[in-house]
């Protein structure tokens, strides 16, 4: 074997050394990218733990969601067990955190504030939703966008105020200053 190595060294001594072509590491899956987006967001302190303990479940596409919501292109949903399911191919770094907050509103707020405060909040949101359909001024686009989002979600009428509130939270960054102060 040593003799063969010497012969090979002599034969190839005048030729430049070649390197194997660089191999690009595989791109992260959409769910891995989504996890990183959430980790890099304002939710970075809690999102990884919620994913690791199964409270947030990441899906590559809507095909693997446990239920099919009424809306045609769900970005996420919350199941009856309180788990938030996110659809990686429908989210961007700009929208992922907002959708977590939207879904968290559905299951997280009522237990925190209690039934009486929740019912009052739903009454207030119902009134705001009705007014939003006629909104003018600086808040017109914000409220109309939230109203259109509710319409696209195709929820039962009884859930409209809750969905409207969730979309208002999701679109908070686009809200006019007066709404943000409220």
Protein backbone atom coordinates (compact mmCIF):
# COMPACT_ATOMS: atom_id res chain seq x y z
CA UNK A 1 0.00 0.00 0.00
CA UNK A 2 2.87 2.37 0.79
CA UNK A 3 4.44 1.60 -2.58
CA UNK A 4 1.17 2.40 -4.38
CA UNK A 5 0.92 5.72 -2.54
CA UNK A 6 4.48 6.63 -3.66
CA UNK A 7 3.63 5.82 -7.28
CA UNK A 8 0.43 7.85 -7.10
CA UNK A 9 2.29 10.78 -5.56
CA UNK A 10 4.84 10.69 -8.41
CA UNK A 11 2.21 10.38 -11.15
CA UNK A 12 0.07 13.24 -9.84
CA UNK A 13 2.86 15.46 -8.49
CA UNK A 14 2.57 18.01 -11.31
CA UNK A 15 -1.23 18.31 -11.17
CA UNK A 16 -2.98 20.85 -8.96
CA UNK A 17 -4.87 19.52 -6.01
CA UNK A 18 -8.60 19.46 -6.43
CA UNK A 19 -11.21 19.94 -3.80
CA UNK A 20 -14.59 18.39 -3.64
CA UNK A 21 -17.26 20.86 -4.67
CA UNK A 22 -18.77 22.79 -1.79
CA UNK A 23 -22.05 21.32 -0.69
CA UNK A 24 -24.68 23.77 0.37
CA UNK A 25 -26.44 22.81 3.57
CA UNK A 26 -30.10 22.02 2.98
CA UNK A 27 -32.49 24.92 3.37
CA UNK A 28 -34.46 24.80 6.59
CA UNK A 29 -37.97 23.42 6.31
CA UNK A 30 -40.79 25.93 6.43
CA UNK A 31 -41.60 24.90 10.01
CA UNK A 32 -37.95 25.34 11.04
CA UNK A 33 -37.96 28.77 9.40
CA UNK A 34 -41.23 29.66 11.14
CA UNK A 35 -39.82 28.59 14.51
CA UNK A 36 -36.82 30.84 13.88
CA UNK A 37 -39.08 33.74 12.85
CA UNK A 38 -41.00 33.43 16.11
CA UNK A 39 -37.78 33.11 18.11
CA UNK A 40 -36.47 36.29 16.46
CA UNK A 41 -39.73 38.18 17.07
CA UNK A 42 -41.03 40.00 20.14
CA UNK A 43 -42.36 36.58 21.22
CA UNK A 44 -38.85 35.15 21.26
CA UNK A 45 -38.78 34.69 25.01
CA UNK A 46 -41.85 32.43 25.06
CA UNK A 47 -42.46 31.04 21.56
CA UNK A 48 -39.78 28.29 21.64
CA UNK A 49 -41.08 26.97 24.97
CA UNK A 50 -44.69 26.99 23.70
CA UNK A 51 -43.59 25.08 20.60
CA UNK A 52 -41.52 22.62 22.62
CA UNK A 53 -44.38 21.85 25.02
CA UNK A 54 -46.91 21.48 22.20
CA UNK A 55 -49.03 24.57 22.91
CA UNK A 56 -48.02 25.93 19.50
CA UNK A 57 -47.99 23.34 16.72
CA UNK A 58 -46.26 24.18 13.43
CA UNK A 59 -47.57 22.79 10.13
CA UNK A 60 -45.82 22.99 6.75
CA UNK A 61 -49.20 23.47 5.00
CA UNK A 62 -52.87 23.66 5.91
CA UNK A 63 -53.28 20.05 4.76
CA UNK A 64 -52.11 18.74 8.15
CA UNK A 65 -54.31 20.96 10.32
CA UNK A 66 -56.47 18.93 12.71
CA UNK A 67 -59.63 20.71 11.48
CA UNK A 68 -60.53 22.69 8.38
CA UNK A 69 -61.69 26.20 9.24
CA UNK A 70 -64.30 28.06 7.23
CA UNK A 71 -61.76 30.44 5.70
CA UNK A 72 -60.09 29.38 2.47
CA UNK A 73 -56.47 30.16 3.40
CA UNK A 74 -55.95 29.77 7.14
CA UNK A 75 -52.74 31.14 8.60
CA UNK A 76 -53.53 29.47 11.87
CA UNK A 77 -56.26 28.26 14.16
CA UNK A 78 -56.90 27.37 17.77
CA UNK A 79 -58.39 23.98 18.60
CA UNK A 80 -60.76 23.19 21.45
CA UNK A 81 -57.86 21.92 23.55
CA UNK A 82 -56.34 25.43 23.44
CA UNK A 83 -53.47 24.58 21.11
CA UNK A 84 -52.45 27.12 18.50
CA UNK A 85 -51.77 25.64 15.06
CA UNK A 86 -49.76 27.75 12.61
CA UNK A 87 -49.43 27.19 8.86
CA UNK A 88 -45.82 27.88 7.83
CA UNK A 89 -46.43 28.40 4.12
CA UNK A 90 -48.99 31.13 4.86
CA UNK A 91 -46.86 33.15 7.29
CA UNK A 92 -44.00 35.60 6.91
CA UNK A 93 -41.61 37.10 9.46
CA UNK A 94 -43.93 40.13 9.51
CA UNK A 95 -47.13 38.17 10.15
CA UNK A 96 -46.14 35.17 12.28
CA UNK A 97 -46.10 36.88 15.68
CA UNK A 98 -49.34 38.75 15.02
CA UNK A 99 -51.10 35.50 14.10
CA UNK A 100 -49.91 33.91 17.36
CA UNK A 101 -51.44 36.85 19.26
CA UNK A 102 -54.64 36.56 17.21
CA UNK A 103 -54.98 32.86 18.03
CA UNK A 104 -53.94 33.40 21.64
CA UNK A 105 -56.80 35.87 22.04
CA UNK A 106 -59.30 33.12 21.21
CA UNK A 107 -58.23 30.80 24.01
CA UNK A 108 -56.16 32.84 26.39
CA UNK A 109 -58.09 35.94 27.32
CA UNK A 110 -61.37 34.56 28.69
CA UNK A 111 -59.67 32.40 31.35
CA UNK A 112 -57.59 35.41 32.39
CA UNK A 113 -60.42 37.91 32.78
CA UNK A 114 -63.38 35.67 33.67
CA UNK A 115 -66.79 35.18 32.14
CA UNK A 116 -68.34 38.50 33.17
CA UNK A 117 -65.49 40.62 31.80
CA UNK A 118 -65.31 38.45 28.66
CA UNK A 119 -69.04 38.90 28.01
CA UNK A 120 -68.68 42.66 28.48
CA UNK A 121 -65.69 42.69 26.11
CA UNK A 122 -67.67 40.75 23.49
CA UNK A 123 -70.52 43.28 23.81
CA UNK A 124 -68.08 46.16 23.34
CA UNK A 125 -66.45 44.44 20.36
CA UNK A 126 -69.86 43.82 18.80
CA UNK A 127 -70.65 47.54 19.06
CA UNK A 128 -67.25 48.51 17.66
CA UNK A 129 -67.67 46.01 14.82
CA UNK A 130 -71.02 47.54 13.83
CA UNK A 131 -69.54 51.05 13.95
CA UNK A 132 -66.44 49.95 12.06
CA UNK A 133 -68.55 49.15 9.02
CA UNK A 134 -69.31 52.87 8.80
CA UNK A 135 -65.93 54.11 10.07
CA UNK A 136 -64.36 57.28 8.77
CA UNK A 137 -61.29 59.27 9.65
CA UNK A 138 -57.87 57.89 10.51
CA UNK A 139 -59.22 54.55 11.70
CA UNK A 140 -61.28 53.81 8.61
CA UNK A 141 -58.78 51.51 6.87
CA UNK A 142 -57.77 49.71 10.08
CA UNK A 143 -61.37 48.91 11.12
CA UNK A 144 -62.48 48.05 7.59
CA UNK A 145 -59.52 45.67 7.19
CA UNK A 146 -60.46 43.94 10.45
CA UNK A 147 -64.10 43.71 9.28
CA UNK A 148 -63.07 42.23 5.91
CA UNK A 149 -60.85 39.71 7.67
CA UNK A 150 -63.83 38.55 9.73
CA UNK A 151 -65.90 38.18 6.58
CA UNK A 152 -63.17 36.09 4.92
CA UNK A 153 -62.90 33.90 8.04
CA UNK A 154 -66.53 32.89 7.50
CA UNK A 155 -67.31 32.38 11.20
CA UNK A 156 -70.71 31.88 12.83
CA UNK A 157 -72.41 35.17 13.71
CA UNK A 158 -72.11 34.47 17.43
CA UNK A 159 -68.30 34.37 17.05
CA UNK A 160 -68.07 37.57 14.99
CA UNK A 161 -67.18 39.91 17.92
CA UNK A 162 -64.44 37.55 19.13
CA UNK A 163 -63.01 37.15 15.63
CA UNK A 164 -63.19 40.90 15.09
CA UNK A 165 -61.21 41.47 18.30
CA UNK A 166 -58.65 38.86 17.27
CA UNK A 167 -58.17 40.53 13.89
CA UNK A 168 -57.87 43.96 15.52
CA UNK A 169 -55.06 42.51 17.65
CA UNK A 170 -53.45 40.88 14.63
CA UNK A 171 -53.46 44.19 12.72
CA UNK A 172 -52.43 46.31 15.71
CA UNK A 173 -49.25 47.57 14.01
CA UNK A 174 -51.37 49.19 11.29
CA UNK A 175 -53.73 50.85 13.78
CA UNK A 176 -53.92 54.62 14.01
CA UNK A 177 -52.41 56.24 17.11
CA UNK A 178 -55.80 56.75 18.74
CA UNK A 179 -56.58 53.03 18.61
CA UNK A 180 -53.13 52.14 19.95
CA UNK A 181 -53.63 54.46 22.95
CA UNK A 182 -56.99 52.82 23.71
